[in-house]
């Protein structure tokens, strides 16, 4: 039976560009391949910045949901952390 995937939640509500992308990058670097990161933010630019960050880093965006002003990204860490 496969192990349960770990999901880490990151609340970035109220932060403005570029902080959501920078803090998401830092959080992803701390994860192992196969783990998930759930990012909550309210910055409208995050809808552009977070997917661009993931393209750059090689990680996978599983879903994006909007709930009013809140945007929730679920990201799967696919690359081994590099230092």
N, C-alpha and C. Protein backbone atom coordinates (compact mmCIF):
# COMPACT_ATOMS: atom_id res chain seq x y z
N UNK A 1 0.85 -1.18 0.00
CA UNK A 1 0.00 0.00 0.00
C UNK A 1 0.90 1.25 0.00
N UNK A 2 0.66 2.22 -0.92
CA UNK A 2 1.51 3.41 -0.96
C UNK A 2 1.31 4.29 0.27
N UNK A 3 2.35 5.00 0.63
CA UNK A 3 2.26 5.91 1.77
C UNK A 3 1.36 7.09 1.43
N UNK A 4 0.73 7.64 2.45
CA UNK A 4 -0.11 8.83 2.26
C UNK A 4 0.78 10.01 1.89
N UNK A 5 0.32 10.81 0.94
CA UNK A 5 1.06 12.01 0.59
C UNK A 5 0.86 13.05 1.69
N UNK A 6 1.94 13.68 2.07
CA UNK A 6 1.89 14.73 3.08
C UNK A 6 1.51 16.03 2.40
N UNK A 7 0.55 16.77 3.01
CA UNK A 7 0.18 18.08 2.49
C UNK A 7 0.51 19.12 3.54
N UNK A 8 1.31 20.09 3.15
CA UNK A 8 1.66 21.21 4.01
C UNK A 8 0.82 22.40 3.60
N UNK A 9 0.21 23.09 4.57
CA UNK A 9 -0.59 24.27 4.26
C UNK A 9 0.22 25.53 4.52
N UNK A 10 0.10 26.48 3.59
CA UNK A 10 0.83 27.74 3.67
C UNK A 10 -0.18 28.87 3.51
N UNK A 11 -0.40 29.64 4.57
CA UNK A 11 -1.36 30.75 4.54
C UNK A 11 -0.63 32.05 4.24
N UNK A 12 -0.82 32.55 3.03
CA UNK A 12 -0.17 33.79 2.61
C UNK A 12 -1.19 34.90 2.37
N UNK A 13 -2.36 34.76 2.98
CA UNK A 13 -3.40 35.78 2.79
C UNK A 13 -2.90 37.12 3.31
N UNK A 14 -3.19 38.16 2.53
CA UNK A 14 -2.81 39.51 2.91
C UNK A 14 -1.45 39.94 2.39
N UNK A 15 -0.62 38.99 1.93
CA UNK A 15 0.69 39.35 1.41
C UNK A 15 0.58 39.79 -0.05
N UNK A 16 1.40 40.76 -0.42
CA UNK A 16 1.39 41.29 -1.79
C UNK A 16 2.61 40.83 -2.56
N UNK A 17 2.49 40.83 -3.87
CA UNK A 17 3.57 40.48 -4.78
C UNK A 17 4.84 41.26 -4.41
N UNK A 18 5.97 40.61 -4.34
CA UNK A 18 6.31 39.24 -4.78
C UNK A 18 6.32 38.22 -3.66
N UNK A 19 5.85 38.59 -2.45
CA UNK A 19 5.97 37.69 -1.29
C UNK A 19 5.30 36.33 -1.46
N UNK A 20 4.08 36.23 -2.03
CA UNK A 20 3.51 34.88 -2.17
C UNK A 20 4.39 33.93 -2.99
N UNK A 21 4.95 34.41 -4.08
CA UNK A 21 5.81 33.55 -4.91
C UNK A 21 7.11 33.22 -4.18
N UNK A 22 7.70 34.19 -3.50
CA UNK A 22 8.96 33.94 -2.79
C UNK A 22 8.76 32.94 -1.65
N UNK A 23 7.68 33.10 -0.89
CA UNK A 23 7.44 32.19 0.24
C UNK A 23 7.03 30.80 -0.26
N UNK A 24 6.33 30.74 -1.40
CA UNK A 24 5.99 29.44 -1.99
C UNK A 24 7.26 28.72 -2.43
N UNK A 25 8.18 29.44 -3.07
CA UNK A 25 9.45 28.85 -3.50
C UNK A 25 10.21 28.27 -2.30
N UNK A 26 10.29 29.05 -1.22
CA UNK A 26 11.01 28.60 -0.03
C UNK A 26 10.36 27.34 0.56
N UNK A 27 9.02 27.34 0.63
CA UNK A 27 8.30 26.19 1.19
C UNK A 27 8.50 24.95 0.32
N UNK A 28 8.49 25.12 -1.00
CA UNK A 28 8.69 23.97 -1.90
C UNK A 28 10.08 23.38 -1.75
N UNK A 29 11.07 24.21 -1.53
CA UNK A 29 12.44 23.71 -1.38
C UNK A 29 12.57 22.81 -0.15
N UNK A 30 11.70 23.00 0.85
CA UNK A 30 11.75 22.20 2.07
C UNK A 30 11.03 20.86 1.94
N UNK A 31 10.29 20.67 0.84
CA UNK A 31 9.51 19.44 0.66
C UNK A 31 10.31 18.39 -0.09
N UNK A 32 9.88 17.13 0.09
CA UNK A 32 10.44 16.02 -0.66
C UNK A 32 9.53 15.73 -1.85
N UNK A 33 10.10 15.13 -2.88
CA UNK A 33 9.31 14.74 -4.07
C UNK A 33 8.11 13.91 -3.62
N UNK A 34 6.94 14.22 -4.18
CA UNK A 34 5.71 13.50 -3.85
C UNK A 34 4.87 14.18 -2.79
N UNK A 35 5.45 15.10 -2.05
CA UNK A 35 4.68 15.84 -1.05
C UNK A 35 3.92 16.97 -1.72
N UNK A 36 2.88 17.45 -1.03
CA UNK A 36 2.05 18.51 -1.58
C UNK A 36 2.13 19.76 -0.72
N UNK A 37 1.90 20.89 -1.40
CA UNK A 37 1.83 22.19 -0.73
C UNK A 37 0.51 22.83 -1.12
N UNK A 38 -0.27 23.23 -0.12
CA UNK A 38 -1.54 23.92 -0.34
C UNK A 38 -1.32 25.38 0.05
N UNK A 39 -1.37 26.27 -0.94
CA UNK A 39 -1.07 27.68 -0.73
C UNK A 39 -2.36 28.48 -0.80
N UNK A 40 -2.62 29.27 0.27
CA UNK A 40 -3.78 30.16 0.31
C UNK A 40 -3.27 31.59 0.21
N UNK A 41 -3.77 32.35 -0.77
CA UNK A 41 -3.34 33.74 -0.88
C UNK A 41 -4.48 34.60 -1.41
N UNK A 42 -4.30 35.91 -1.29
CA UNK A 42 -5.32 36.86 -1.72
C UNK A 42 -4.79 37.84 -2.77
N UNK A 43 -3.50 37.79 -3.06
CA UNK A 43 -2.91 38.68 -4.06
C UNK A 43 -3.36 38.25 -5.45
N UNK A 44 -4.07 39.13 -6.19
CA UNK A 44 -4.56 38.73 -7.52
C UNK A 44 -3.43 38.37 -8.49
N UNK A 45 -2.23 38.91 -8.29
CA UNK A 45 -1.11 38.58 -9.18
C UNK A 45 -0.60 37.16 -8.97
N UNK A 46 -0.96 36.55 -7.85
CA UNK A 46 -0.51 35.17 -7.57
C UNK A 46 -1.03 34.20 -8.62
N UNK A 47 -2.18 34.50 -9.23
CA UNK A 47 -2.75 33.62 -10.25
C UNK A 47 -1.81 33.51 -11.45
N UNK A 48 -0.94 34.50 -11.63
CA UNK A 48 0.08 34.49 -12.69
C UNK A 48 1.42 34.02 -12.13
N UNK A 49 1.80 34.58 -10.97
CA UNK A 49 3.13 34.34 -10.41
C UNK A 49 3.37 32.89 -9.98
N UNK A 50 2.40 32.28 -9.31
CA UNK A 50 2.61 30.92 -8.79
C UNK A 50 2.77 29.92 -9.94
N UNK A 51 1.89 29.90 -10.95
CA UNK A 51 2.12 28.96 -12.07
C UNK A 51 3.46 29.21 -12.78
N UNK A 52 3.86 30.47 -12.93
CA UNK A 52 5.16 30.76 -13.55
C UNK A 52 6.31 30.21 -12.71
N UNK A 53 6.20 30.36 -11.40
CA UNK A 53 7.21 29.81 -10.48
C UNK A 53 7.31 28.29 -10.65
N UNK A 54 6.17 27.63 -10.74
CA UNK A 54 6.16 26.16 -10.86
C UNK A 54 6.76 25.72 -12.18
N UNK A 55 6.49 26.47 -13.25
CA UNK A 55 7.12 26.15 -14.54
C UNK A 55 8.63 26.25 -14.44
N UNK A 56 9.09 27.26 -13.73
CA UNK A 56 10.53 27.48 -13.55
C UNK A 56 11.16 26.37 -12.70
N UNK A 57 10.45 25.96 -11.64
CA UNK A 57 10.99 24.98 -10.70
C UNK A 57 10.77 23.53 -11.14
N UNK A 58 9.78 23.31 -12.02
CA UNK A 58 9.51 21.96 -12.49
C UNK A 58 8.52 21.19 -11.63
N UNK A 59 7.84 21.87 -10.71
CA UNK A 59 6.84 21.20 -9.88
C UNK A 59 5.48 21.31 -10.56
N UNK A 60 4.49 20.53 -10.07
CA UNK A 60 3.21 20.38 -10.76
C UNK A 60 2.07 21.05 -10.01
N UNK A 61 1.32 21.89 -10.72
CA UNK A 61 0.13 22.51 -10.17
C UNK A 61 -1.03 21.53 -10.32
N UNK A 62 -1.53 21.02 -9.20
CA UNK A 62 -2.63 20.06 -9.26
C UNK A 62 -3.97 20.75 -9.42
N UNK A 63 -4.16 21.86 -8.72
CA UNK A 63 -5.43 22.57 -8.85
C UNK A 63 -5.30 24.01 -8.40
N UNK A 64 -6.20 24.83 -8.93
CA UNK A 64 -6.32 26.23 -8.53
C UNK A 64 -7.81 26.47 -8.30
N UNK A 65 -8.15 26.99 -7.13
CA UNK A 65 -9.56 27.30 -6.83
C UNK A 65 -9.65 28.72 -6.33
N UNK A 66 -10.75 29.37 -6.68
CA UNK A 66 -11.03 30.72 -6.18
C UNK A 66 -12.24 30.65 -5.27
N UNK A 67 -12.14 31.33 -4.14
CA UNK A 67 -13.26 31.43 -3.20
C UNK A 67 -13.31 32.89 -2.77
N UNK A 68 -14.08 33.69 -3.50
CA UNK A 68 -14.10 35.12 -3.23
C UNK A 68 -12.75 35.71 -3.58
N UNK A 69 -12.12 36.40 -2.62
CA UNK A 69 -10.80 36.99 -2.83
C UNK A 69 -9.67 35.98 -2.66
N UNK A 70 -9.98 34.84 -2.08
CA UNK A 70 -8.94 33.84 -1.77
C UNK A 70 -8.69 32.93 -2.97
N UNK A 71 -7.41 32.67 -3.22
CA UNK A 71 -6.99 31.73 -4.26
C UNK A 71 -6.25 30.59 -3.55
N UNK A 72 -6.61 29.36 -3.87
CA UNK A 72 -5.98 28.20 -3.26
C UNK A 72 -5.31 27.38 -4.36
N UNK A 73 -4.00 27.19 -4.21
CA UNK A 73 -3.22 26.37 -5.13
C UNK A 73 -2.84 25.08 -4.42
N UNK A 74 -2.98 23.95 -5.10
CA UNK A 74 -2.46 22.68 -4.59
C UNK A 74 -1.34 22.27 -5.54
N UNK A 75 -0.15 22.12 -4.97
CA UNK A 75 1.06 21.89 -5.75
C UNK A 75 1.69 20.57 -5.32
N UNK A 76 2.12 19.78 -6.28
CA UNK A 76 2.88 18.56 -5.96
C UNK A 76 4.35 18.80 -6.25
N UNK A 77 5.17 18.53 -5.25
CA UNK A 77 6.63 18.63 -5.40
C UNK A 77 7.07 17.45 -6.25
N UNK A 78 7.64 17.72 -7.41
CA UNK A 78 8.04 16.63 -8.31
C UNK A 78 9.54 16.51 -8.44
N UNK A 79 10.27 17.54 -8.11
CA UNK A 79 11.73 17.54 -8.27
C UNK A 79 12.40 17.35 -6.92
N UNK A 80 13.52 16.69 -6.92
CA UNK A 80 14.32 16.60 -5.70
C UNK A 80 14.87 17.99 -5.39
N UNK A 81 14.95 18.32 -4.13
CA UNK A 81 15.46 19.64 -3.73
C UNK A 81 16.92 19.77 -4.13
N UNK A 82 17.23 20.94 -4.69
CA UNK A 82 18.62 21.21 -5.04
C UNK A 82 19.12 22.36 -4.18
N UNK A 83 20.37 22.31 -3.83
CA UNK A 83 20.91 23.37 -2.97
C UNK A 83 21.84 24.28 -3.74
